[in-house]
Amino acid sequence: MKHLPKHLRPRWRYLAVEIESWPDATIDRRAFQRECWYAGQNLLGDPGSARAGLSVLQFEFSADAGVGEALVKVRHGWTDEARAALACIDEIDGQPVGVRVSGISGTIRAAEEKYLGRRGQDSEERNVVFGNEERVAVVRDGSVDVRLDAAFAGTTDLDYDLA
């Protein structure tokens, strides 16, 4: 079977997506893909979701730092709808997440060079005093997540003292 000529092939756009969660969260590609499909179906309906064609091409998530990146393929002309669907994702496998589209590109290579792999976000652990107790906190880009007994609490500079 012959390939379609270039002018008849579907055109795609590539969304560079940043994912942020608590430092102990574990999120995999399959779960993120499933949430993309569900968000697309819930917001756009089945026909709209099929036309948008949200598909995860690349996925990377660091459980130590709680941040990750993904490259999502979307049909040309459906980028606004895809961004809205991705904005609806607030939880993956029971883990609360923040999803942000950092950029849109016409090629995979341009999306990788401009938007992916450049986060350079280092995290470190510090001992802080929170709630009159010394606790371990994960510090990254000015935000501090304090480890409580079973979870983390997001804090500001006014909520803790360095131990």
C-alpha atoms as a PDB file:
ATOM      1  CA  MET A   1       0.000   0.000   0.000  1.00  0.00           C
ATOM      2  CA  LYS A   2       1.369   3.413  -0.955  1.00  0.00           C
ATOM      3  CA  HIS A   3       1.883   6.306   1.430  1.00  0.00           C
ATOM      4  CA  LEU A   4      -0.294   9.367   1.135  1.00  0.00           C
ATOM      5  CA  PRO A   5       1.271  12.376  -0.550  1.00  0.00           C
ATOM      6  CA  LYS A   6       2.552  15.013   1.847  1.00  0.00           C
ATOM      7  CA  HIS A   7      -0.291  17.444   1.170  1.00  0.00           C
ATOM      8  CA  LEU A   8      -2.873  14.780   2.165  1.00  0.00           C
ATOM      9  CA  ARG A   9      -1.192  13.599   5.394  1.00  0.00           C
ATOM     10  CA  PRO A  10      -2.587  14.864   8.688  1.00  0.00           C
ATOM     11  CA  ARG A  11      -0.642  17.732  10.274  1.00  0.00           C
ATOM     12  CA  TRP A  12       0.330  17.623  13.935  1.00  0.00           C
ATOM     13  CA  ARG A  13       1.357  20.019  16.680  1.00  0.00           C
ATOM     14  CA  TYR A  14       3.454  19.003  19.668  1.00  0.00           C
ATOM     15  CA  LEU A  15       2.682  20.297  23.147  1.00  0.00           C
ATOM     16  CA  ALA A  16       5.516  20.400  25.674  1.00  0.00           C
ATOM     17  CA  VAL A  17       3.924  19.699  29.055  1.00  0.00           C
ATOM     18  CA  GLU A  18       5.393  20.193  32.531  1.00  0.00           C
ATOM     19  CA  ILE A  19       4.079  18.046  35.378  1.00  0.00           C
ATOM     20  CA  GLU A  20       4.538  18.822  39.063  1.00  0.00           C
ATOM     21  CA  SER A  21       3.488  16.800  42.082  1.00  0.00           C
ATOM     22  CA  TRP A  22       4.628  16.017  45.605  1.00  0.00           C
ATOM     23  CA  PRO A  23       8.208  14.714  45.874  1.00  0.00           C
ATOM     24  CA  ASP A  24       7.140  11.152  46.742  1.00  0.00           C
ATOM     25  CA  ALA A  25       4.628  10.769  43.882  1.00  0.00           C
ATOM     26  CA  THR A  26       5.102   8.021  41.307  1.00  0.00           C
ATOM     27  CA  ILE A  27       3.535   8.663  37.922  1.00  0.00           C
ATOM     28  CA  ASP A  28       4.122   6.592  34.799  1.00  0.00           C
ATOM     29  CA  ARG A  29       3.500   7.200  31.107  1.00  0.00           C
ATOM     30  CA  ARG A  30       0.518   4.878  30.851  1.00  0.00           C
ATOM     31  CA  ALA A  31      -1.330   6.627  33.694  1.00  0.00           C
ATOM     32  CA  PHE A  32      -0.629  10.069  32.176  1.00  0.00           C
ATOM     33  CA  GLN A  33      -1.844   8.892  28.738  1.00  0.00           C
ATOM     34  CA  ARG A  34      -5.035   7.512  30.294  1.00  0.00           C
ATOM     35  CA  GLU A  35      -5.710  10.821  32.087  1.00  0.00           C
ATOM     36  CA  CYS A  36      -5.127  12.743  28.833  1.00  0.00           C
ATOM     37  CA  TRP A  37      -7.717  10.562  27.085  1.00  0.00           C
ATOM     38  CA  TYR A  38     -10.228  10.886  29.941  1.00  0.00           C
ATOM     39  CA  ALA A  39      -9.772  14.660  30.126  1.00  0.00           C
ATOM     40  CA  GLY A  40     -10.235  14.934  26.361  1.00  0.00           C
ATOM     41  CA  GLN A  41     -13.372  12.783  26.422  1.00  0.00           C
ATOM     42  CA  ASN A  42     -14.886  14.611  29.389  1.00  0.00           C
ATOM     43  CA  LEU A  43     -14.259  18.088  27.984  1.00  0.00           C
ATOM     44  CA  LEU A  44     -14.577  17.570  24.212  1.00  0.00           C
ATOM     45  CA  GLY A  45     -16.804  14.508  24.032  1.00  0.00           C
ATOM     46  CA  ASP A  46     -15.976  11.356  22.127  1.00  0.00           C
ATOM     47  CA  PRO A  47     -15.985  12.895  18.606  1.00  0.00           C
ATOM     48  CA  GLY A  48     -13.935  15.928  19.685  1.00  0.00           C
ATOM     49  CA  SER A  49     -11.478  13.780  21.582  1.00  0.00           C
ATOM     50  CA  ALA A  50     -11.003  11.533  18.570  1.00  0.00           C
ATOM     51  CA  ARG A  51     -10.445  14.545  16.299  1.00  0.00           C
ATOM     52  CA  ALA A  52      -7.930  16.114  18.710  1.00  0.00           C
ATOM     53  CA  GLY A  53      -6.009  12.829  18.935  1.00  0.00           C
ATOM     54  CA  LEU A  54      -4.138  13.469  22.206  1.00  0.00           C
ATOM     55  CA  SER A  55      -1.218  11.071  22.243  1.00  0.00           C
ATOM     56  CA  VAL A  56       1.790  11.025  24.587  1.00  0.00           C
ATOM     57  CA  LEU A  57       5.022  10.612  22.611  1.00  0.00           C
ATOM     58  CA  GLN A  58       7.600  11.162  25.340  1.00  0.00           C
ATOM     59  CA  PHE A  59       7.261  11.040  29.105  1.00  0.00           C
ATOM     60  CA  GLU A  60       9.711  11.485  31.952  1.00  0.00           C
ATOM     61  CA  PHE A  61       8.915  11.896  35.651  1.00  0.00           C
ATOM     62  CA  SER A  62      11.388  12.087  38.506  1.00  0.00           C
ATOM     63  CA  ALA A  63       9.827  10.735  41.688  1.00  0.00           C
ATOM     64  CA  ASP A  64      12.687  12.190  43.755  1.00  0.00           C
ATOM     65  CA  ALA A  65      12.029  15.767  42.696  1.00  0.00           C
ATOM     66  CA  GLY A  66       8.307  15.447  41.939  1.00  0.00           C
ATOM     67  CA  VAL A  67       8.597  17.037  38.497  1.00  0.00           C
ATOM     68  CA  GLY A  68       8.339  15.680  34.985  1.00  0.00           C
ATOM     69  CA  GLU A  69       7.886  16.480  31.332  1.00  0.00           C
ATOM     70  CA  ALA A  70       5.864  15.062  28.491  1.00  0.00           C
ATOM     71  CA  LEU A  71       5.479  15.625  24.780  1.00  0.00           C
ATOM     72  CA  VAL A  72       1.861  15.340  23.619  1.00  0.00           C
ATOM     73  CA  LYS A  73       0.918  15.057  19.931  1.00  0.00           C
ATOM     74  CA  VAL A  74      -2.277  16.861  18.845  1.00  0.00           C
ATOM     75  CA  ARG A  75      -3.900  17.428  15.457  1.00  0.00           C
ATOM     76  CA  HIS A  76      -3.284  20.797  13.854  1.00  0.00           C
ATOM     77  CA  GLY A  77      -6.144  23.156  14.666  1.00  0.00           C
ATOM     78  CA  TRP A  78      -6.993  21.437  17.968  1.00  0.00           C
ATOM     79  CA  THR A  79      -4.273  22.912  20.160  1.00  0.00           C
ATOM     80  CA  ASP A  80      -6.577  25.221  22.117  1.00  0.00           C
ATOM     81  CA  GLU A  81      -8.950  22.382  22.910  1.00  0.00           C
ATOM     82  CA  ALA A  82      -6.039  20.122  23.865  1.00  0.00           C
ATOM     83  CA  ARG A  83      -4.606  22.773  26.197  1.00  0.00           C
ATOM     84  CA  ALA A  84      -7.999  23.105  27.862  1.00  0.00           C
ATOM     85  CA  ALA A  85      -8.266  19.324  28.273  1.00  0.00           C
ATOM     86  CA  LEU A  86      -4.772  19.106  29.781  1.00  0.00           C
ATOM     87  CA  ALA A  87      -5.647  21.920  32.177  1.00  0.00           C
ATOM     88  CA  CYS A  88      -8.475  19.734  33.521  1.00  0.00           C
ATOM     89  CA  ILE A  89      -6.034  17.099  34.778  1.00  0.00           C
ATOM     90  CA  ASP A  90      -5.609  17.531  38.523  1.00  0.00           C
ATOM     91  CA  GLU A  91      -4.929  13.969  39.652  1.00  0.00           C
ATOM     92  CA  ILE A  92      -3.118  10.936  38.236  1.00  0.00           C
ATOM     93  CA  ASP A  93      -3.521   7.578  39.985  1.00  0.00           C
ATOM     94  CA  GLY A  94      -4.676   9.328  43.149  1.00  0.00           C
ATOM     95  CA  GLN A  95      -1.657  11.676  43.190  1.00  0.00           C
ATOM     96  CA  PRO A  96      -2.468  15.403  42.953  1.00  0.00           C
ATOM     97  CA  VAL A  97      -0.645  17.026  40.036  1.00  0.00           C
ATOM     98  CA  GLY A  98      -0.235  20.362  38.342  1.00  0.00           C
ATOM     99  CA  VAL A  99      -0.048  20.268  34.544  1.00  0.00           C
ATOM    100  CA  ARG A 100       1.182  23.208  32.474  1.00  0.00           C
ATOM    101  CA  VAL A 101       1.754  23.516  28.735  1.00  0.00           C
ATOM    102  CA  SER A 102       5.112  25.254  28.373  1.00  0.00           C
ATOM    103  CA  GLY A 103       4.996  25.556  24.589  1.00  0.00           C
ATOM    104  CA  ILE A 104       3.647  24.385  21.242  1.00  0.00           C
ATOM    105  CA  SER A 105       5.738  23.452  18.245  1.00  0.00           C
ATOM    106  CA  GLY A 106       5.288  22.110  14.733  1.00  0.00           C
ATOM    107  CA  THR A 107       8.053  19.513  15.006  1.00  0.00           C
ATOM    108  CA  ILE A 108       9.226  17.129  17.706  1.00  0.00           C
ATOM    109  CA  ARG A 109      12.784  18.375  17.434  1.00  0.00           C
ATOM    110  CA  ALA A 110      11.836  22.019  17.927  1.00  0.00           C
ATOM    111  CA  ALA A 111       9.676  21.149  20.936  1.00  0.00           C
ATOM    112  CA  GLU A 112      12.540  19.206  22.516  1.00  0.00           C
ATOM    113  CA  GLU A 113      15.079  21.975  21.919  1.00  0.00           C
ATOM    114  CA  LYS A 114      12.906  24.884  22.993  1.00  0.00           C
ATOM    115  CA  TYR A 115      10.801  23.500  25.814  1.00  0.00           C
ATOM    116  CA  LEU A 116      11.925  20.089  27.078  1.00  0.00           C
ATOM    117  CA  GLY A 117      14.993  19.089  29.036  1.00  0.00           C
ATOM    118  CA  ARG A 118      15.753  22.623  30.120  1.00  0.00           C
ATOM    119  CA  ARG A 119      14.115  22.616  33.525  1.00  0.00           C
ATOM    120  CA  GLY A 120      17.330  22.262  35.501  1.00  0.00           C
ATOM    121  CA  GLN A 121      15.339  22.227  38.694  1.00  0.00           C
ATOM    122  CA  ASP A 122      17.377  20.878  41.548  1.00  0.00           C
ATOM    123  CA  SER A 123      15.833  19.776  44.785  1.00  0.00           C
ATOM    124  CA  GLU A 124      17.483  19.408  48.136  1.00  0.00           C
ATOM    125  CA  GLU A 125      16.415  18.289  51.567  1.00  0.00           C
ATOM    126  CA  ARG A 126      16.667  20.529  54.608  1.00  0.00           C
ATOM    127  CA  ASN A 127      15.653  20.292  58.232  1.00  0.00           C
ATOM    128  CA  VAL A 128      13.071  22.920  59.147  1.00  0.00           C
ATOM    129  CA  VAL A 129      10.878  23.689  62.126  1.00  0.00           C
ATOM    130  CA  PHE A 130       7.224  23.374  61.173  1.00  0.00           C
ATOM    131  CA  GLY A 131       4.385  23.171  63.680  1.00  0.00           C
ATOM    132  CA  ASN A 132       6.876  23.408  66.603  1.00  0.00           C
ATOM    133  CA  GLU A 133       8.617  20.214  65.441  1.00  0.00           C
ATOM    134  CA  GLU A 134      11.768  19.635  63.448  1.00  0.00           C
ATOM    135  CA  ARG A 135      10.878  18.030  60.117  1.00  0.00           C
ATOM    136  CA  VAL A 136      12.460  17.204  56.762  1.00  0.00           C
ATOM    137  CA  ALA A 137      11.554  19.479  53.839  1.00  0.00           C
ATOM    138  CA  VAL A 138      12.214  19.279  50.093  1.00  0.00           C
ATOM    139  CA  VAL A 139      13.267  22.658  48.655  1.00  0.00           C
ATOM    140  CA  ARG A 140      13.011  23.383  44.910  1.00  0.00           C
ATOM    141  CA  ASP A 141      12.912  26.717  43.103  1.00  0.00           C
ATOM    142  CA  GLY A 142      11.809  28.636  46.171  1.00  0.00           C
ATOM    143  CA  SER A 143       8.970  26.303  47.136  1.00  0.00           C
ATOM    144  CA  VAL A 144       9.271  24.178  50.260  1.00  0.00           C
ATOM    145  CA  ASP A 145       7.317  20.942  50.773  1.00  0.00           C
ATOM    146  CA  VAL A 146       7.423  19.783  54.394  1.00  0.00           C
ATOM    147  CA  ARG A 147       7.104  16.049  55.058  1.00  0.00           C
ATOM    148  CA  LEU A 148       4.377  15.340  57.568  1.00  0.00           C
ATOM    149  CA  ASP A 149       3.579  11.893  58.963  1.00  0.00           C
ATOM    150  CA  ALA A 150       1.860  10.497  55.856  1.00  0.00           C
ATOM    151  CA  ALA A 151       2.056  13.266  53.271  1.00  0.00           C
ATOM    152  CA  PHE A 152       3.590  16.607  52.323  1.00  0.00           C
ATOM    153  CA  ALA A 153       2.431  20.143  53.044  1.00  0.00           C
ATOM    154  CA  GLY A 154       3.240  23.004  50.697  1.00  0.00           C
ATOM    155  CA  THR A 155       4.557  25.994  52.652  1.00  0.00           C
ATOM    156  CA  THR A 156       5.660  29.595  52.277  1.00  0.00           C
ATOM    157  CA  ASP A 157       8.580  31.402  53.863  1.00  0.00           C
ATOM    158  CA  LEU A 158       6.373  32.472  56.768  1.00  0.00           C
ATOM    159  CA  ASP A 159       5.342  28.913  57.695  1.00  0.00           C
ATOM    160  CA  TYR A 160       8.700  27.476  58.709  1.00  0.00           C
ATOM    161  CA  ASP A 161      12.082  28.280  60.295  1.00  0.00           C
ATOM    162  CA  LEU A 162      15.383  26.751  59.246  1.00  0.00           C
ATOM    163  CA  ALA A 163      16.645  24.356  61.890  1.00  0.00           C
END
